Amino acid sequence: MNLPTWVWLVTIGGFALVLALDFYLVARNPREPSFRECTWWVLFYVALAGLFGGGLLLVAGPARGGEFFAGWITEYSLSMDNLFVFLLIMSRFSVPREYRQKVLLVGIVIALLMRGLFIAAGAEAVARFDWLFYLFGAFLVYTAWKLIGHEEEEAEFSENIAIRAVRRVLPATDVYHGAKLTIQVAGRRMVTPMLIVMVAIGTTDLLFALDSIPAIFGLTREPYLVFTANVFALMGLRQLFFLIGGLLDRLVYLSKGLSIVLAFIGVKLIMEALHHDGVSWAPEVPILVSLGVIIGTLALTTVASLIKSRSDTRRAAVQTQREPAGVDN
């Protein structure tokens, strides 16, 4: 895809406009959104991504459109794992519920900027060094194995180097002062925990990008598709946080599903790299096959998770009814 500069500028401008509108609505009325509001926003962002992908199908052809949809679905699914960590960060910093929307939105904007730099560097590296696909493939298979092998471990949040640097360089208050990022204390400018938690969410997302960016490069080598799929996946993450926050604990097989997707893309990367290097037995996997595997795996693991969760709830209820009542002396 040899796109003129104006296409990039219009695309980035469109994303910036939507995010600015989102930010305006959040800043005007800081509160915890309702379930109905979050549902409509998530549907809006999903529809927006669907319209964009449909436009690609018409303008660039089914191959490019399929690559976008495969990349977007993969990035959106991998972003689900972000929500677990975002919950930990919110609890760790005791963020007031009415300001969680703003924290998430600014954190996501920071994440988008950092991912943009990461994607630009990755696209340049991939264009110059074909052997990186072997490395990406092996890394994704290793990540998939780690997801399965360590899924029972208790999740914890530890401050990364960016957060520690903010704490070290900038004096910070111990309490929140509304939604303010800085405040004047005894003639000294200090940052509030609000700024630190925004940095925490934005920089922590970059750690997840270490998995998701190689994964999407396994589905498409087009920087424009990689970038737009990432933006669409992250833009609706704030509303998704509030929409399915209580559902996350019920998606017990999500890690297994994501590990299968990552392993599949990792093997696909290695096979296609071998194919391009002249190995006759190594196949090229069509994008429709990739799309089918990704959607099928995530749908199956979601349904299986909900069935198991409902079964466990019923079993717990039956167990509670069978327990003998206590006897008062």
Protein backbone atom coordinates (compact mmCIF):
# COMPACT_ATOMS: atom_id res chain seq x y z
CA MET A 1 0.00 0.00 0.00
CA ASN A 2 1.75 3.12 -1.25
CA LEU A 3 -0.34 5.72 0.50
CA PRO A 4 0.15 9.47 0.00
CA THR A 5 0.94 11.58 3.06
CA TRP A 6 -2.50 13.19 3.06
CA VAL A 7 -4.15 9.82 3.75
CA TRP A 8 -2.06 9.42 6.89
CA LEU A 9 -2.81 13.00 7.94
CA VAL A 10 -6.56 12.63 7.39
CA THR A 11 -6.60 9.31 9.27
CA ILE A 12 -4.66 10.68 12.24
CA GLY A 13 -6.80 13.84 12.19
CA GLY A 14 -9.98 11.76 12.27
CA PHE A 15 -8.74 9.72 15.22
CA ALA A 16 -7.67 12.90 17.05
CA LEU A 17 -11.12 14.44 16.48
CA VAL A 18 -12.95 11.43 17.92
CA LEU A 19 -10.63 11.27 20.94
CA ALA A 20 -10.99 15.04 21.50
CA LEU A 21 -14.79 14.69 21.53
CA ASP A 22 -14.48 11.76 23.94
CA PHE A 23 -12.19 13.79 26.20
CA TYR A 24 -14.55 16.80 26.12
CA LEU A 25 -17.50 14.67 27.24
CA VAL A 26 -15.46 13.10 30.05
CA ALA A 27 -13.98 16.39 31.29
CA ARG A 28 -17.38 18.15 31.19
CA ASN A 29 -19.06 15.64 33.49
CA PRO A 30 -16.61 13.47 35.51
CA ARG A 31 -18.47 10.41 36.80
CA GLU A 32 -18.68 6.67 36.50
CA PRO A 33 -20.60 5.92 33.28
CA SER A 34 -23.74 3.82 33.23
CA PHE A 35 -23.93 0.35 31.70
CA ARG A 36 -26.17 1.64 28.91
CA GLU A 37 -23.82 4.51 28.07
CA CYS A 38 -20.80 2.20 27.92
CA THR A 39 -22.71 -0.24 25.71
CA TRP A 40 -23.56 2.46 23.18
CA TRP A 41 -19.97 3.78 23.10
CA VAL A 42 -18.51 0.29 22.62
CA LEU A 43 -21.00 -0.38 19.81
CA PHE A 44 -20.07 2.99 18.28
CA TYR A 45 -16.34 2.19 18.23
CA VAL A 46 -16.96 -1.33 16.93
CA ALA A 47 -19.20 0.08 14.17
CA LEU A 48 -16.55 2.68 13.36
CA ALA A 49 -13.92 -0.03 12.96
CA GLY A 50 -16.36 -2.08 10.88
CA LEU A 51 -17.03 0.87 8.55
CA PHE A 52 -13.32 1.52 8.19
CA GLY A 53 -12.63 -2.13 7.42
CA GLY A 54 -15.53 -2.19 4.94
CA GLY A 55 -14.05 0.85 3.20
CA LEU A 56 -10.72 -0.95 2.94
CA LEU A 57 -12.46 -3.97 1.41
CA LEU A 58 -13.93 -1.74 -1.30
CA VAL A 59 -10.89 0.46 -1.93
CA ALA A 60 -7.89 -1.80 -1.27
CA GLY A 61 -9.43 -5.24 -1.88
CA PRO A 62 -10.41 -8.23 0.25
CA ALA A 63 -6.83 -9.15 1.18
CA ARG A 64 -6.08 -5.79 2.83
CA GLY A 65 -9.55 -5.63 4.38
CA GLY A 66 -9.12 -9.13 5.79
CA GLU A 67 -5.71 -8.21 7.20
CA PHE A 68 -7.21 -5.20 8.97
CA PHE A 69 -10.06 -7.19 10.50
CA ALA A 70 -7.72 -9.99 11.61
CA GLY A 71 -5.32 -7.46 13.14
CA TRP A 72 -8.07 -5.44 14.81
CA ILE A 73 -9.78 -8.50 16.35
CA THR A 74 -6.43 -9.81 17.59
CA GLU A 75 -5.41 -6.45 19.09
CA TYR A 76 -8.86 -5.95 20.63
CA SER A 77 -8.74 -9.39 22.21
CA LEU A 78 -5.22 -8.93 23.53
CA SER A 79 -6.32 -5.59 24.97
CA MET A 80 -8.70 -7.52 27.23
CA ASP A 81 -5.67 -8.57 29.25
CA ASN A 82 -4.86 -4.88 29.72
CA LEU A 83 -8.11 -4.48 31.60
CA PHE A 84 -6.99 -6.89 34.33
CA VAL A 85 -3.87 -4.80 34.94
CA PHE A 86 -5.81 -1.53 34.67
CA LEU A 87 -8.06 -2.79 37.48
CA LEU A 88 -4.98 -3.53 39.59
CA ILE A 89 -3.54 -0.07 38.89
CA MET A 90 -6.81 1.65 39.81
CA SER A 91 -6.92 -0.28 43.09
CA ARG A 92 -3.22 0.24 43.79
CA PHE A 93 -3.54 4.05 43.46
CA SER A 94 -7.06 4.22 44.99
CA VAL A 95 -8.38 6.28 42.09
CA PRO A 96 -11.74 7.95 42.92
CA ARG A 97 -14.47 6.32 40.87
CA GLU A 98 -15.67 9.60 39.32
CA TYR A 99 -12.20 10.24 37.83
CA ARG A 100 -11.48 6.78 36.45
CA GLN A 101 -12.81 7.73 33.02
CA LYS A 102 -10.35 10.61 32.69
CA VAL A 103 -7.44 8.53 33.97
CA LEU A 104 -8.17 5.78 31.45
CA LEU A 105 -8.65 8.17 28.54
CA VAL A 106 -5.40 10.08 29.12
CA GLY A 107 -3.55 6.82 29.81
CA ILE A 108 -4.83 5.39 26.53
CA VAL A 109 -3.75 8.51 24.63
CA ILE A 110 -0.24 8.11 26.11
CA ALA A 111 -0.33 4.45 25.08
CA LEU A 112 -1.37 5.38 21.51
CA LEU A 113 1.52 7.82 21.16
CA MET A 114 4.03 5.27 22.44
CA ARG A 115 2.59 2.51 20.28
CA GLY A 116 2.84 4.80 17.24
CA LEU A 117 6.58 5.17 17.83
CA PHE A 118 6.90 1.43 18.43
CA ILE A 119 5.01 0.61 15.21
CA ALA A 120 7.14 3.04 13.17
CA ALA A 121 10.34 1.47 14.51
CA GLY A 122 8.98 -2.04 13.97
CA ALA A 123 7.88 -1.34 10.40
CA GLU A 124 11.31 0.05 9.53
CA ALA A 125 13.07 -2.92 11.13
CA VAL A 126 10.82 -5.47 9.40
CA ALA A 127 11.41 -3.79 6.02
CA ARG A 128 15.18 -4.03 6.46
CA PHE A 129 15.64 -7.35 8.27
CA ASP A 130 13.53 -10.31 7.12
CA TRP A 131 15.06 -12.57 9.78
CA LEU A 132 13.09 -10.63 12.42
CA PHE A 133 10.04 -12.70 11.51
CA TYR A 134 11.77 -15.81 12.84
CA LEU A 135 12.46 -13.92 16.06
CA PHE A 136 8.91 -12.58 16.28
CA GLY A 137 7.47 -16.05 15.63
CA ALA A 138 9.61 -17.70 18.29
CA PHE A 139 8.77 -14.92 20.76
CA LEU A 140 5.03 -15.33 20.20
CA VAL A 141 5.20 -19.10 20.68
CA TYR A 142 7.20 -18.55 23.89
CA THR A 143 4.64 -15.97 25.08
CA ALA A 144 1.82 -18.42 24.36
CA TRP A 145 3.57 -21.10 26.43
CA LYS A 146 4.07 -18.61 29.25
CA LEU A 147 0.39 -17.65 29.21
CA ILE A 148 -0.60 -21.29 29.70
CA GLY A 149 2.16 -22.17 32.18
CA HIS A 150 1.70 -19.16 34.45
CA GLU A 151 -2.00 -18.43 34.23
CA GLU A 152 -2.66 -19.62 37.77
CA GLU A 153 -0.21 -17.18 39.31
CA GLU A 154 -1.73 -14.25 41.16
CA ALA A 155 -1.55 -11.07 39.15
CA GLU A 156 0.44 -8.26 40.72
CA PHE A 157 1.31 -4.74 39.69
CA SER A 158 4.82 -3.39 40.12
CA GLU A 159 5.88 0.12 39.21
CA ASN A 160 7.88 0.29 35.99
CA ILE A 161 10.89 2.49 35.31
CA ALA A 162 8.79 5.37 33.91
CA ILE A 163 6.68 5.61 37.07
CA ARG A 164 9.74 5.42 39.31
CA ALA A 165 11.38 8.18 37.24
CA VAL A 166 8.32 10.44 37.66
CA ARG A 167 8.35 9.86 41.42
CA ARG A 168 12.10 10.50 41.61
CA VAL A 169 12.20 13.64 39.46
CA LEU A 170 8.88 15.29 40.34
CA PRO A 171 7.72 15.84 43.94
CA ALA A 172 4.29 14.27 44.43
CA THR A 173 1.47 14.71 46.92
CA ASP A 174 0.01 11.77 48.83
CA VAL A 175 -3.63 12.63 48.17
CA TYR A 176 -5.78 13.52 45.16
CA HIS A 177 -6.85 17.10 44.56
CA GLY A 178 -9.88 16.53 42.36
CA ALA A 179 -8.82 15.92 38.76
CA LYS A 180 -5.79 18.22 38.98
CA LEU A 181 -2.47 16.87 37.71
CA THR A 182 -0.35 19.43 39.58
CA ILE A 183 -0.93 21.69 42.56
CA GLN A 184 0.87 24.50 44.36
CA VAL A 185 1.88 23.53 47.91
CA ALA A 186 3.69 26.12 50.05
CA GLY A 187 4.94 27.86 46.94
CA ARG A 188 6.19 24.59 45.43
CA ARG A 189 4.67 22.96 42.34
CA MET A 190 3.92 19.26 42.97
CA VAL A 191 2.29 16.52 40.90
CA THR A 192 -0.69 14.60 42.20
CA PRO A 193 -1.31 10.83 42.16
CA MET A 194 -3.63 11.54 39.19
CA LEU A 195 -0.62 12.21 36.93
CA ILE A 196 1.29 9.19 38.22
CA VAL A 197 -1.59 6.78 37.60
CA MET A 198 -2.02 8.14 34.05
CA VAL A 199 1.66 7.47 33.40
CA ALA A 200 1.22 4.01 34.95
CA ILE A 201 -1.58 3.04 32.56
CA GLY A 202 0.06 4.53 29.48
CA THR A 203 3.49 2.96 30.04
CA THR A 204 2.16 -0.38 31.30
CA ASP A 205 0.27 -0.75 28.00
CA LEU A 206 3.61 -0.60 26.20
CA LEU A 207 4.60 -3.86 27.94
CA PHE A 208 1.54 -5.51 26.39
CA ALA A 209 2.52 -4.04 23.02
CA LEU A 210 5.67 -6.18 23.16
CA ASP A 211 3.33 -9.12 22.50
CA SER A 212 0.63 -7.53 20.38
CA ILE A 213 2.77 -5.60 17.90
CA PRO A 214 4.76 -8.68 16.76
CA ALA A 215 1.43 -10.54 16.60
CA ILE A 216 -0.16 -8.06 14.21
CA PHE A 217 3.00 -7.91 12.08
CA GLY A 218 2.43 -11.64 11.71
CA LEU A 219 -0.91 -10.85 10.07
CA THR A 220 0.07 -7.86 7.93
CA ARG A 221 3.28 -6.02 7.09
CA GLU A 222 1.47 -2.81 6.16
CA PRO A 223 2.27 -0.06 8.71
CA TYR A 224 -1.01 1.73 7.94
CA LEU A 225 -3.07 -1.37 8.79
CA VAL A 226 -0.98 -2.08 11.89
CA PHE A 227 -1.46 1.50 13.11
CA THR A 228 -5.20 1.77 12.43
CA ALA A 229 -5.94 -1.66 13.93
CA ASN A 230 -4.11 -0.64 17.12
CA VAL A 231 -5.90 2.70 17.37
CA PHE A 232 -9.33 1.14 16.87
CA ALA A 233 -8.52 -1.54 19.46
CA LEU A 234 -7.49 1.00 22.10
CA MET A 235 -10.06 3.74 21.45
CA GLY A 236 -12.99 1.84 22.94
CA LEU A 237 -11.00 0.34 25.79
CA ARG A 238 -12.18 2.94 28.34
CA GLN A 239 -15.85 2.08 27.91
CA LEU A 240 -15.04 -1.62 27.72
CA PHE A 241 -13.33 -1.31 31.12
CA PHE A 242 -16.59 -0.23 32.75
CA LEU A 243 -18.79 -2.46 30.60
CA ILE A 244 -17.18 -5.82 31.31
CA GLY A 245 -15.25 -5.05 34.49
CA GLY A 246 -17.45 -7.51 36.39
CA LEU A 247 -17.33 -10.04 33.55
CA LEU A 248 -13.54 -10.39 33.48
CA ASP A 249 -13.48 -12.88 36.36
CA ARG A 250 -15.90 -15.08 34.42
CA LEU A 251 -13.67 -15.31 31.32
CA VAL A 252 -11.63 -18.10 32.91
CA TYR A 253 -10.39 -19.50 29.60
CA LEU A 254 -9.42 -16.16 28.05
CA SER A 255 -5.71 -16.74 28.63
CA LYS A 256 -5.94 -20.16 26.97
CA GLY A 257 -7.70 -18.65 23.95
CA LEU A 258 -5.15 -15.85 23.63
CA SER A 259 -2.29 -18.32 23.98
CA ILE A 260 -3.71 -20.41 21.09
CA VAL A 261 -4.04 -17.27 18.94
CA LEU A 262 -0.48 -16.14 19.71
CA ALA A 263 0.94 -19.62 19.09
CA PHE A 264 -0.91 -19.86 15.77
CA ILE A 265 0.38 -16.47 14.61
CA GLY A 266 3.89 -17.35 15.79
CA VAL A 267 3.93 -20.60 13.80
CA LYS A 268 2.38 -18.76 10.83
CA LEU A 269 5.19 -16.19 10.94
CA ILE A 270 7.89 -18.86 10.97
CA MET A 271 6.24 -20.90 8.18
CA GLU A 272 5.84 -17.87 5.93
CA ALA A 273 9.41 -16.73 6.59
CA LEU A 274 10.62 -20.20 5.59
CA HIS A 275 8.39 -20.07 2.48
CA HIS A 276 9.89 -16.74 1.39
CA ASP A 277 13.37 -18.16 1.98
CA GLY A 278 12.66 -20.91 -0.55
CA VAL A 279 11.63 -23.82 1.69
CA SER A 280 9.13 -25.66 -0.49
CA TRP A 281 7.22 -27.53 2.23
CA ALA A 282 6.53 -24.39 4.28
CA PRO A 283 3.03 -23.03 3.38
CA GLU A 284 1.72 -19.50 3.20
CA VAL A 285 -1.38 -19.22 5.40
CA PRO A 286 -4.22 -17.26 3.71
CA ILE A 287 -5.58 -14.33 5.70
CA LEU A 288 -9.09 -15.84 5.67
CA VAL A 289 -7.72 -18.93 7.44
CA SER A 290 -6.04 -16.69 10.02
CA LEU A 291 -9.25 -14.73 10.51
CA GLY A 292 -11.25 -17.94 10.95
CA VAL A 293 -8.82 -19.39 13.50
CA ILE A 294 -8.75 -16.14 15.52
CA ILE A 295 -12.54 -15.62 15.59
CA GLY A 296 -13.29 -19.32 16.15
CA THR A 297 -10.80 -19.66 19.02
CA LEU A 298 -11.97 -16.54 20.83
CA ALA A 299 -15.66 -17.41 20.37
CA LEU A 300 -15.11 -20.96 21.64
CA THR A 301 -13.12 -19.89 24.70
CA THR A 302 -15.66 -17.18 25.56
CA VAL A 303 -18.61 -19.60 25.39
CA ALA A 304 -16.67 -22.26 27.33
CA SER A 305 -15.74 -19.67 29.99
CA LEU A 306 -19.34 -18.55 30.49
CA ILE A 307 -20.58 -22.17 30.66
CA LYS A 308 -17.95 -23.05 33.28
CA SER A 309 -18.66 -19.90 35.27
CA ARG A 310 -22.39 -20.65 35.34
CA SER A 311 -21.71 -24.27 36.29
CA ASP A 312 -19.40 -23.19 39.15
CA THR A 313 -22.02 -20.72 40.40
CA ARG A 314 -24.72 -23.41 40.44
CA ARG A 315 -22.39 -25.88 42.17
CA ALA A 316 -21.53 -23.32 44.82
CA ALA A 317 -25.24 -22.57 45.37
CA VAL A 318 -26.06 -26.29 45.76
CA GLN A 319 -23.12 -26.74 48.15
CA THR A 320 -24.35 -23.83 50.25
CA GLN A 321 -27.85 -25.32 50.48
CA ARG A 322 -26.46 -28.70 51.58
CA GLU A 323 -24.38 -27.26 54.40
CA PRO A 324 -26.10 -27.81 57.78
CA ALA A 325 -27.34 -24.70 59.51
CA GLY A 326 -25.49 -23.62 62.63
CA VAL A 327 -27.04 -24.52 66.00
CA ASP A 328 -27.31 -21.82 68.66
CA ASN A 329 -26.50 -22.89 72.20
